[in-house]
Amino acid sequence: MPETVTGTPLVKLTGVGKHYGNIIALREVSLEVSAGEVTCVLGDNGAGKSTLIKIVGGLHRHDEGTYEVSGEQVSFGSPREALDRGIATVYQDLAVVPLMPVWRNFFLGSERRRGLGRMDIDFMRRTTRSELLEMGIDLRDVDQPIGTLSGGERQCVAIARAVYFGARVLILDEPTAALGVKQAGVVLRYILQARAKGLGVVFITHNPHHAYPVGDRFLLLKRGQSLGEHAKHDITREQLTALMAGGAELEQLAHELESVSFGSDGGSAAARELTAEAEQLGITDS
């Protein structure tokens, strides 16, 4: 039976901060991840998303605030410590070996062995195929190199692997960033399937149109600080997009386009389009 959302979050960060020398990467950021929920962390490049997931995933220690796993305060010294507590991170580059078969990548570093240390290849092939089937992907041949799969299918293998090896919290680092529309939709479906299995999912993205359909909570970051955390019933897709876009930035860009157009219709048209978009989202300063 899948876990349901309980009173105690699987992961809870309160007032977490991180600095590298004089550089403040995160300041006073709070985050909750519950079983059977998808928490989306949104922000542009440099917002602090990567630093946040490195703290949650055990790669870096936090300098300020508290980090709790199932109500117990922790400070992980390595990703292995986080993994031992059921927190798995699937990074954007996936860390796969393209020329190795799918089943070898599925069990990479955790190979099943039998007598005399020999790998149990039959078991690993069967398990890989069945676990992928549960995630909705039917591979006829798990011996094919994983590099021949689409980007969405490789993401599926990484997600299914984390679930199989006991992940309770799944951190996905920009899984749809390099994918086309169709493959991004495939990955979003896998995220919903992971949620249905009772996992707590942290979905890192800069795209509110990918986040909103699958998210239950939304944390927005900008320059290492939180712009707020919102439950889905408290915010619309348009409001989420508006918070991400930033009215001042769009208006400034519109003015810049207008100033460099030198009377050309192209620059003026682009500036008018940006201004209209900002007004439609309700994020202009006027």
C-alpha atoms as a PDB file:
ATOM      1  CA  MET A   1       0.000   0.000   0.000  1.00  0.00           C
ATOM      2  CA  PRO A   2       1.353   3.450  -0.870  1.00  0.00           C
ATOM      3  CA  GLU A   3       2.042   5.803   1.994  1.00  0.00           C
ATOM      4  CA  THR A   4      -0.320   8.706   2.404  1.00  0.00           C
ATOM      5  CA  VAL A   5       0.423  12.227   3.505  1.00  0.00           C
ATOM      6  CA  THR A   6       1.047  12.224   7.254  1.00  0.00           C
ATOM      7  CA  GLY A   7       1.511  14.908   9.884  1.00  0.00           C
ATOM      8  CA  THR A   8       5.300  14.528  10.010  1.00  0.00           C
ATOM      9  CA  PRO A   9       7.059  15.526   6.782  1.00  0.00           C
ATOM     10  CA  LEU A  10       9.610  13.137   5.336  1.00  0.00           C
ATOM     11  CA  VAL A  11      11.967  16.092   4.922  1.00  0.00           C
ATOM     12  CA  LYS A  12      11.745  19.489   6.589  1.00  0.00           C
ATOM     13  CA  LEU A  13      14.177  22.383   6.283  1.00  0.00           C
ATOM     14  CA  THR A  14      13.680  25.431   8.509  1.00  0.00           C
ATOM     15  CA  GLY A  15      15.568  28.690   8.007  1.00  0.00           C
ATOM     16  CA  VAL A  16      18.409  26.936   6.189  1.00  0.00           C
ATOM     17  CA  GLY A  17      21.389  28.986   5.039  1.00  0.00           C
ATOM     18  CA  LYS A  18      24.598  28.193   3.165  1.00  0.00           C
ATOM     19  CA  HIS A  19      27.589  30.350   2.360  1.00  0.00           C
ATOM     20  CA  TYR A  20      30.863  29.780   0.554  1.00  0.00           C
ATOM     21  CA  GLY A  21      33.322  32.235   2.038  1.00  0.00           C
ATOM     22  CA  ASN A  22      31.776  35.667   1.536  1.00  0.00           C
ATOM     23  CA  ILE A  23      29.246  34.369  -0.991  1.00  0.00           C
ATOM     24  CA  ILE A  24      25.778  33.751   0.444  1.00  0.00           C
ATOM     25  CA  ALA A  25      24.207  30.955  -1.612  1.00  0.00           C
ATOM     26  CA  LEU A  26      21.078  30.435   0.526  1.00  0.00           C
ATOM     27  CA  ARG A  27      19.485  32.490   3.282  1.00  0.00           C
ATOM     28  CA  GLU A  28      16.525  31.600   5.498  1.00  0.00           C
ATOM     29  CA  VAL A  29      15.022  28.984   3.167  1.00  0.00           C
ATOM     30  CA  SER A  30      12.367  26.569   4.454  1.00  0.00           C
ATOM     31  CA  LEU A  31      11.031  23.488   2.686  1.00  0.00           C
ATOM     32  CA  GLU A  32       8.670  20.606   3.479  1.00  0.00           C
ATOM     33  CA  VAL A  33       8.356  17.322   1.606  1.00  0.00           C
ATOM     34  CA  SER A  34       5.607  14.891   2.615  1.00  0.00           C
ATOM     35  CA  ALA A  35       4.846  11.360   1.494  1.00  0.00           C
ATOM     36  CA  GLY A  36       2.613  11.226  -1.563  1.00  0.00           C
ATOM     37  CA  GLU A  37       3.276  14.865  -2.467  1.00  0.00           C
ATOM     38  CA  VAL A  38       5.271  16.698  -5.131  1.00  0.00           C
ATOM     39  CA  THR A  39       7.078  19.806  -3.920  1.00  0.00           C
ATOM     40  CA  CYS A  40       8.283  21.982  -6.804  1.00  0.00           C
ATOM     41  CA  VAL A  41      11.281  24.262  -6.307  1.00  0.00           C
ATOM     42  CA  LEU A  42      11.296  26.997  -8.947  1.00  0.00           C
ATOM     43  CA  GLY A  43      13.789  29.688  -9.823  1.00  0.00           C
ATOM     44  CA  ASP A  44      16.012  30.983 -12.587  1.00  0.00           C
ATOM     45  CA  ASN A  45      19.711  30.231 -12.909  1.00  0.00           C
ATOM     46  CA  GLY A  46      21.560  31.416  -9.807  1.00  0.00           C
ATOM     47  CA  ALA A  47      18.435  31.282  -7.636  1.00  0.00           C
ATOM     48  CA  GLY A  48      19.921  28.702  -5.257  1.00  0.00           C
ATOM     49  CA  LYS A  49      18.130  25.583  -6.482  1.00  0.00           C
ATOM     50  CA  SER A  50      21.319  23.558  -6.941  1.00  0.00           C
ATOM     51  CA  THR A  51      22.652  24.514  -3.502  1.00  0.00           C
ATOM     52  CA  LEU A  52      19.356  23.530  -1.911  1.00  0.00           C
ATOM     53  CA  ILE A  53      19.262  20.059  -3.464  1.00  0.00           C
ATOM     54  CA  LYS A  54      22.920  19.496  -2.599  1.00  0.00           C
ATOM     55  CA  ILE A  55      22.030  20.095   1.049  1.00  0.00           C
ATOM     56  CA  VAL A  56      18.958  17.857   0.928  1.00  0.00           C
ATOM     57  CA  GLY A  57      20.878  15.161  -0.991  1.00  0.00           C
ATOM     58  CA  GLY A  58      23.815  15.148   1.446  1.00  0.00           C
ATOM     59  CA  LEU A  59      26.463  16.611  -0.861  1.00  0.00           C
ATOM     60  CA  HIS A  60      26.893  19.776   1.244  1.00  0.00           C
ATOM     61  CA  ARG A  61      26.164  20.546   4.897  1.00  0.00           C
ATOM     62  CA  HIS A  62      23.982  23.512   5.772  1.00  0.00           C
ATOM     63  CA  ASP A  63      25.529  26.339   7.821  1.00  0.00           C
ATOM     64  CA  GLU A  64      22.363  27.732   9.373  1.00  0.00           C
ATOM     65  CA  GLY A  65      18.907  26.498  10.285  1.00  0.00           C
ATOM     66  CA  THR A  66      17.706  22.928  10.828  1.00  0.00           C
ATOM     67  CA  TYR A  67      17.309  19.885   8.587  1.00  0.00           C
ATOM     68  CA  GLU A  68      14.949  17.126   9.745  1.00  0.00           C
ATOM     69  CA  VAL A  69      14.205  13.702   8.282  1.00  0.00           C
ATOM     70  CA  SER A  70      10.988  12.176   9.653  1.00  0.00           C
ATOM     71  CA  GLY A  71      11.208  14.521  12.635  1.00  0.00           C
ATOM     72  CA  GLU A  72      14.859  13.803  13.476  1.00  0.00           C
ATOM     73  CA  GLN A  73      17.490  16.505  13.022  1.00  0.00           C
ATOM     74  CA  VAL A  74      20.299  15.490  10.662  1.00  0.00           C
ATOM     75  CA  SER A  75      23.409  16.920   9.024  1.00  0.00           C
ATOM     76  CA  PHE A  76      24.558  14.603   6.258  1.00  0.00           C
ATOM     77  CA  GLY A  77      28.228  14.320   5.429  1.00  0.00           C
ATOM     78  CA  SER A  78      27.782  12.490   2.126  1.00  0.00           C
ATOM     79  CA  PRO A  79      25.130  11.440  -0.416  1.00  0.00           C
ATOM     80  CA  ARG A  80      25.503   7.874   0.879  1.00  0.00           C
ATOM     81  CA  GLU A  81      24.266   8.990   4.309  1.00  0.00           C
ATOM     82  CA  ALA A  82      21.252  10.629   2.690  1.00  0.00           C
ATOM     83  CA  LEU A  83      20.611   7.537   0.567  1.00  0.00           C
ATOM     84  CA  ASP A  84      20.716   5.356   3.670  1.00  0.00           C
ATOM     85  CA  ARG A  85      17.852   7.487   5.017  1.00  0.00           C
ATOM     86  CA  GLY A  86      15.880   7.016   1.802  1.00  0.00           C
ATOM     87  CA  ILE A  87      16.755  10.290   0.044  1.00  0.00           C
ATOM     88  CA  ALA A  88      17.836   9.756  -3.578  1.00  0.00           C
ATOM     89  CA  THR A  89      18.863  12.438  -6.062  1.00  0.00           C
ATOM     90  CA  VAL A  90      18.515  12.059  -9.823  1.00  0.00           C
ATOM     91  CA  TYR A  91      20.779  14.683 -11.364  1.00  0.00           C
ATOM     92  CA  GLN A  92      20.310  16.287 -14.758  1.00  0.00           C
ATOM     93  CA  ASP A  93      23.195  14.348 -16.349  1.00  0.00           C
ATOM     94  CA  LEU A  94      21.789  11.068 -14.901  1.00  0.00           C
ATOM     95  CA  ALA A  95      25.291   9.558 -14.356  1.00  0.00           C
ATOM     96  CA  VAL A  96      24.667   6.684 -16.768  1.00  0.00           C
ATOM     97  CA  VAL A  97      27.145   4.810 -18.970  1.00  0.00           C
ATOM     98  CA  PRO A  98      25.686   5.220 -22.492  1.00  0.00           C
ATOM     99  CA  LEU A  99      27.268   2.089 -24.016  1.00  0.00           C
ATOM    100  CA  MET A 100      26.264  -0.238 -21.175  1.00  0.00           C
ATOM    101  CA  PRO A 101      22.963  -2.178 -21.323  1.00  0.00           C
ATOM    102  CA  VAL A 102      19.933  -0.791 -19.559  1.00  0.00           C
ATOM    103  CA  TRP A 103      20.053  -3.498 -16.864  1.00  0.00           C
ATOM    104  CA  ARG A 104      23.733  -2.789 -16.096  1.00  0.00           C
ATOM    105  CA  ASN A 105      22.947   0.870 -15.576  1.00  0.00           C
ATOM    106  CA  PHE A 106      19.939  -0.001 -13.432  1.00  0.00           C
ATOM    107  CA  PHE A 107      22.127  -1.979 -11.012  1.00  0.00           C
ATOM    108  CA  LEU A 108      25.328   0.038 -11.492  1.00  0.00           C
ATOM    109  CA  GLY A 109      27.262   0.017  -8.226  1.00  0.00           C
ATOM    110  CA  SER A 110      24.702  -2.275  -6.550  1.00  0.00           C
ATOM    111  CA  GLU A 111      25.036  -5.442  -8.626  1.00  0.00           C
ATOM    112  CA  ARG A 112      23.243  -8.567  -7.422  1.00  0.00           C
ATOM    113  CA  ARG A 113      25.680 -11.435  -6.905  1.00  0.00           C
ATOM    114  CA  ARG A 114      25.439 -15.140  -6.161  1.00  0.00           C
ATOM    115  CA  GLY A 115      27.936 -17.929  -5.436  1.00  0.00           C
ATOM    116  CA  LEU A 116      31.638 -17.178  -5.982  1.00  0.00           C
ATOM    117  CA  GLY A 117      30.863 -13.501  -6.493  1.00  0.00           C
ATOM    118  CA  ARG A 118      29.381 -13.952  -9.950  1.00  0.00           C
ATOM    119  CA  MET A 119      26.753 -11.452 -11.047  1.00  0.00           C
ATOM    120  CA  ASP A 120      23.197 -12.765 -11.149  1.00  0.00           C
ATOM    121  CA  ILE A 121      22.523 -11.460 -14.646  1.00  0.00           C
ATOM    122  CA  ASP A 122      19.171 -13.221 -15.114  1.00  0.00           C
ATOM    123  CA  PHE A 123      17.818 -11.697 -11.903  1.00  0.00           C
ATOM    124  CA  MET A 124      18.999  -8.205 -12.840  1.00  0.00           C
ATOM    125  CA  ARG A 125      17.506  -8.439 -16.325  1.00  0.00           C
ATOM    126  CA  ARG A 126      14.132  -9.655 -15.008  1.00  0.00           C
ATOM    127  CA  THR A 127      14.041  -7.069 -12.254  1.00  0.00           C
ATOM    128  CA  THR A 128      14.946  -4.188 -14.540  1.00  0.00           C
ATOM    129  CA  ARG A 129      12.223  -5.132 -17.001  1.00  0.00           C
ATOM    130  CA  SER A 130       9.538  -5.568 -14.324  1.00  0.00           C
ATOM    131  CA  GLU A 131      10.415  -2.325 -12.498  1.00  0.00           C
ATOM    132  CA  LEU A 132      10.321  -0.358 -15.738  1.00  0.00           C
ATOM    133  CA  LEU A 133       6.974  -1.931 -16.598  1.00  0.00           C
ATOM    134  CA  GLU A 134       5.607  -0.700 -13.266  1.00  0.00           C
ATOM    135  CA  MET A 135       6.669   2.802 -14.238  1.00  0.00           C
ATOM    136  CA  GLY A 136       4.859   2.440 -17.559  1.00  0.00           C
ATOM    137  CA  ILE A 137       7.742   1.800 -19.945  1.00  0.00           C
ATOM    138  CA  ASP A 138       7.830  -1.467 -21.881  1.00  0.00           C
ATOM    139  CA  LEU A 139      11.343  -2.236 -23.127  1.00  0.00           C
ATOM    140  CA  ARG A 140      11.524  -5.313 -25.304  1.00  0.00           C
ATOM    141  CA  ASP A 141      15.258  -5.600 -24.799  1.00  0.00           C
ATOM    142  CA  VAL A 142      16.943  -4.452 -21.578  1.00  0.00           C
ATOM    143  CA  ASP A 143      20.252  -5.491 -23.172  1.00  0.00           C
ATOM    144  CA  GLN A 144      20.184  -2.501 -25.500  1.00  0.00           C
ATOM    145  CA  PRO A 145      22.618   0.324 -24.625  1.00  0.00           C
ATOM    146  CA  ILE A 146      20.934   2.919 -22.454  1.00  0.00           C
ATOM    147  CA  GLY A 147      22.305   5.587 -24.777  1.00  0.00           C
ATOM    148  CA  THR A 148      19.823   4.431 -27.437  1.00  0.00           C
ATOM    149  CA  LEU A 149      16.847   5.404 -25.242  1.00  0.00           C
ATOM    150  CA  SER A 150      15.165   8.779 -25.448  1.00  0.00           C
ATOM    151  CA  GLY A 151      15.850  11.403 -22.802  1.00  0.00           C
ATOM    152  CA  GLY A 152      12.501  10.737 -21.149  1.00  0.00           C
ATOM    153  CA  GLU A 153      13.115   6.985 -21.066  1.00  0.00           C
ATOM    154  CA  ARG A 154      16.541   7.468 -19.473  1.00  0.00           C
ATOM    155  CA  GLN A 155      14.896   9.616 -16.811  1.00  0.00           C
ATOM    156  CA  CYS A 156      12.419   6.794 -16.240  1.00  0.00           C
ATOM    157  CA  VAL A 157      15.238   4.285 -15.711  1.00  0.00           C
ATOM    158  CA  ALA A 158      16.862   6.592 -13.146  1.00  0.00           C
ATOM    159  CA  ILE A 159      13.571   7.154 -11.287  1.00  0.00           C
ATOM    160  CA  ALA A 160      12.652   3.439 -11.302  1.00  0.00           C
ATOM    161  CA  ARG A 161      16.141   2.584 -10.028  1.00  0.00           C
ATOM    162  CA  ALA A 162      15.833   5.007  -7.102  1.00  0.00           C
ATOM    163  CA  VAL A 163      12.398   3.611  -6.194  1.00  0.00           C
ATOM    164  CA  TYR A 164      13.630   0.014  -6.390  1.00  0.00           C
ATOM    165  CA  PHE A 165      16.548   0.698  -4.058  1.00  0.00           C
ATOM    166  CA  GLY A 166      14.302   2.088  -1.345  1.00  0.00           C
ATOM    167  CA  ALA A 167      13.997   5.831  -1.938  1.00  0.00           C
ATOM    168  CA  ARG A 168      11.323   7.515   0.149  1.00  0.00           C
ATOM    169  CA  VAL A 169      12.215  10.984  -1.071  1.00  0.00           C
ATOM    170  CA  LEU A 170      13.097  11.504  -4.731  1.00  0.00           C
ATOM    171  CA  ILE A 171      14.929  14.691  -5.762  1.00  0.00           C
ATOM    172  CA  LEU A 172      14.742  15.403  -9.489  1.00  0.00           C
ATOM    173  CA  ASP A 173      17.183  18.017 -10.769  1.00  0.00           C
ATOM    174  CA  GLU A 174      15.669  19.759 -13.835  1.00  0.00           C
ATOM    175  CA  PRO A 175      14.520  16.464 -15.411  1.00  0.00           C
ATOM    176  CA  THR A 176      12.615  18.198 -18.224  1.00  0.00           C
ATOM    177  CA  ALA A 177      15.150  20.941 -19.013  1.00  0.00           C
ATOM    178  CA  ALA A 178      16.726  19.351 -22.099  1.00  0.00           C
ATOM    179  CA  LEU A 179      13.620  17.553 -23.375  1.00  0.00           C
ATOM    180  CA  GLY A 180      11.079  18.322 -26.078  1.00  0.00           C
ATOM    181  CA  VAL A 181       7.387  18.772 -25.351  1.00  0.00           C
ATOM    182  CA  LYS A 182       6.440  15.097 -25.769  1.00  0.00           C
ATOM    183  CA  GLN A 183       9.352  13.703 -23.730  1.00  0.00           C
ATOM    184  CA  ALA A 184       8.787  16.295 -20.999  1.00  0.00           C
ATOM    185  CA  GLY A 185       5.202  15.044 -20.754  1.00  0.00           C
ATOM    186  CA  VAL A 186       6.493  11.493 -20.356  1.00  0.00           C
ATOM    187  CA  VAL A 187       8.705  12.525 -17.429  1.00  0.00           C
ATOM    188  CA  LEU A 188       5.832  14.415 -15.777  1.00  0.00           C
ATOM    189  CA  ARG A 189       3.795  11.213 -15.956  1.00  0.00           C
ATOM    190  CA  TYR A 190       6.585   9.306 -14.185  1.00  0.00           C
ATOM    191  CA  ILE A 191       6.640  11.963 -11.461  1.00  0.00           C
ATOM    192  CA  LEU A 192       2.925  11.412 -10.858  1.00  0.00           C
ATOM    193  CA  GLN A 193       3.499   7.655 -10.717  1.00  0.00           C
ATOM    194  CA  ALA A 194       6.228   8.113  -8.111  1.00  0.00           C
ATOM    195  CA  ARG A 195       3.838  10.255  -6.071  1.00  0.00           C
ATOM    196  CA  ALA A 196       1.151   7.563  -6.384  1.00  0.00           C
ATOM    197  CA  LYS A 197       3.612   5.062  -4.907  1.00  0.00           C
ATOM    198  CA  GLY A 198       3.778   7.216  -1.776  1.00  0.00           C
ATOM    199  CA  LEU A 199       7.116   8.888  -2.396  1.00  0.00           C
ATOM    200  CA  GLY A 200       7.840  12.473  -1.522  1.00  0.00           C
ATOM    201  CA  VAL A 201       9.097  14.120  -4.706  1.00  0.00           C
ATOM    202  CA  VAL A 202      11.174  17.306  -4.972  1.00  0.00           C
ATOM    203  CA  PHE A 203      10.881  18.584  -8.542  1.00  0.00           C
ATOM    204  CA  ILE A 204      13.509  21.214  -9.377  1.00  0.00           C
ATOM    205  CA  THR A 205      12.600  23.291 -12.418  1.00  0.00           C
ATOM    206  CA  HIS A 206      12.605  26.778 -13.893  1.00  0.00           C
ATOM    207  CA  ASN A 207       9.423  26.102 -15.885  1.00  0.00           C
ATOM    208  CA  PRO A 208       6.112  26.828 -14.092  1.00  0.00           C
ATOM    209  CA  HIS A 209       4.191  25.200 -16.955  1.00  0.00           C
ATOM    210  CA  HIS A 210       5.878  21.887 -16.110  1.00  0.00           C
ATOM    211  CA  ALA A 211       5.583  22.370 -12.346  1.00  0.00           C
ATOM    212  CA  TYR A 212       1.951  23.350 -11.956  1.00  0.00           C
ATOM    213  CA  PRO A 213       0.235  20.236 -13.402  1.00  0.00           C
ATOM    214  CA  VAL A 214       2.105  17.851 -11.073  1.00  0.00           C
ATOM    215  CA  GLY A 215       2.936  19.992  -8.035  1.00  0.00           C
ATOM    216  CA  ASP A 216       1.215  20.061  -4.645  1.00  0.00           C
ATOM    217  CA  ARG A 217       3.487  22.744  -3.149  1.00  0.00           C
ATOM    218  CA  PHE A 218       5.600  25.407  -4.796  1.00  0.00           C
ATOM    219  CA  LEU A 219       8.719  27.025  -3.349  1.00  0.00           C
ATOM    220  CA  LEU A 220      10.054  29.986  -5.319  1.00  0.00           C
ATOM    221  CA  LEU A 221      13.688  31.032  -4.976  1.00  0.00           C
ATOM    222  CA  LYS A 222      15.447  34.168  -6.153  1.00  0.00           C
ATOM    223  CA  ARG A 223      19.094  34.970  -5.467  1.00  0.00           C
ATOM    224  CA  GLY A 224      19.271  32.476  -2.630  1.00  0.00           C
ATOM    225  CA  GLN A 225      16.158  33.673  -0.829  1.00  0.00           C
ATOM    226  CA  SER A 226      12.612  32.378  -0.704  1.00  0.00           C
ATOM    227  CA  LEU A 227       9.869  34.339  -2.433  1.00  0.00           C
ATOM    228  CA  GLY A 228       7.329  32.206  -0.602  1.00  0.00           C
ATOM    229  CA  GLU A 229       5.929  28.688  -0.410  1.00  0.00           C
ATOM    230  CA  HIS A 230       2.425  28.082  -1.732  1.00  0.00           C
ATOM    231  CA  ALA A 231      -0.007  25.174  -1.712  1.00  0.00           C
ATOM    232  CA  LYS A 232      -1.616  24.465  -5.061  1.00  0.00           C
ATOM    233  CA  HIS A 233      -5.079  25.519  -3.909  1.00  0.00           C
ATOM    234  CA  ASP A 234      -3.650  28.919  -2.894  1.00  0.00           C
ATOM    235  CA  ILE A 235      -2.114  29.892  -6.232  1.00  0.00           C
ATOM    236  CA  THR A 236      -3.093  29.748  -9.896  1.00  0.00           C
ATOM    237  CA  ARG A 237      -0.825  28.868 -12.789  1.00  0.00           C
ATOM    238  CA  GLU A 238      -0.924  32.500 -13.916  1.00  0.00           C
ATOM    239  CA  GLN A 239       0.066  33.773 -10.472  1.00  0.00           C
ATOM    240  CA  LEU A 240       2.915  31.263 -10.301  1.00  0.00           C
ATOM    241  CA  THR A 241       4.127  32.377 -13.732  1.00  0.00           C
ATOM    242  CA  ALA A 242       3.884  36.008 -12.661  1.00  0.00           C
ATOM    243  CA  LEU A 243       6.016  35.413  -9.575  1.00  0.00           C
ATOM    244  CA  MET A 244       8.575  33.589 -11.696  1.00  0.00           C
ATOM    245  CA  ALA A 245       8.667  36.205 -14.456  1.00  0.00           C
ATOM    246  CA  GLY A 246       9.035  39.341 -12.354  1.00  0.00           C
ATOM    247  CA  GLY A 247       7.340  42.487 -13.645  1.00  0.00           C
ATOM    248  CA  ALA A 248      10.363  44.774 -13.247  1.00  0.00           C
ATOM    249  CA  GLU A 249      12.599  42.518 -15.327  1.00  0.00           C
ATOM    250  CA  LEU A 250      10.097  42.235 -18.182  1.00  0.00           C
ATOM    251  CA  GLU A 251       9.485  45.978 -18.246  1.00  0.00           C
ATOM    252  CA  GLN A 252      13.230  46.712 -18.216  1.00  0.00           C
ATOM    253  CA  LEU A 253      13.755  44.321 -21.133  1.00  0.00           C
ATOM    254  CA  ALA A 254      10.917  45.964 -23.034  1.00  0.00           C
ATOM    255  CA  HIS A 255      12.535  49.399 -22.548  1.00  0.00           C
ATOM    256  CA  GLU A 256      15.906  48.043 -23.700  1.00  0.00           C
ATOM    257  CA  LEU A 257      14.366  46.579 -26.857  1.00  0.00           C
ATOM    258  CA  GLU A 258      12.619  49.851 -27.532  1.00  0.00           C
ATOM    259  CA  SER A 259      15.861  51.829 -27.125  1.00  0.00           C
ATOM    260  CA  VAL A 260      17.895  49.651 -29.487  1.00  0.00           C
ATOM    261  CA  SER A 261      15.198  49.332 -32.145  1.00  0.00           C
ATOM    262  CA  PHE A 262      16.294  52.624 -33.810  1.00  0.00           C
ATOM    263  CA  GLY A 263      12.869  52.993 -35.281  1.00  0.00           C
ATOM    264  CA  SER A 264      12.709  49.467 -36.658  1.00  0.00           C
ATOM    265  CA  ASP A 265       9.349  47.740 -36.512  1.00  0.00           C
ATOM    266  CA  GLY A 266      10.929  44.523 -35.156  1.00  0.00           C
ATOM    267  CA  GLY A 267      12.329  46.004 -31.959  1.00  0.00           C
ATOM    268  CA  SER A 268       9.218  48.050 -31.231  1.00  0.00           C
ATOM    269  CA  ALA A 269       6.958  45.077 -31.880  1.00  0.00           C
ATOM    270  CA  ALA A 270       9.005  42.896 -29.514  1.00  0.00           C
ATOM    271  CA  ALA A 271       8.874  45.580 -26.825  1.00  0.00           C
ATOM    272  CA  ARG A 272       5.083  45.929 -27.186  1.00  0.00           C
ATOM    273  CA  GLU A 273       4.692  42.169 -26.992  1.00  0.00           C
ATOM    274  CA  LEU A 274       6.698  41.944 -23.776  1.00  0.00           C
ATOM    275  CA  THR A 275       4.751  44.816 -22.225  1.00  0.00           C
ATOM    276  CA  ALA A 276       1.437  43.201 -23.176  1.00  0.00           C
ATOM    277  CA  GLU A 277       2.587  39.897 -21.707  1.00  0.00           C
ATOM    278  CA  ALA A 278       3.529  41.569 -18.430  1.00  0.00           C
ATOM    279  CA  GLU A 279       0.161  43.351 -18.286  1.00  0.00           C
ATOM    280  CA  GLN A 280      -1.669  40.101 -19.002  1.00  0.00           C
ATOM    281  CA  LEU A 281       0.120  38.428 -16.092  1.00  0.00           C
ATOM    282  CA  GLY A 282      -0.607  41.402 -13.866  1.00  0.00           C
ATOM    283  CA  ILE A 283       3.056  42.048 -13.057  1.00  0.00           C
ATOM    284  CA  THR A 284       3.621  45.567 -14.343  1.00  0.00           C
ATOM    285  CA  ASP A 285       4.479  48.332 -11.900  1.00  0.00           C
ATOM    286  CA  SER A 286       1.920  50.717 -13.368  1.00  0.00           C
END
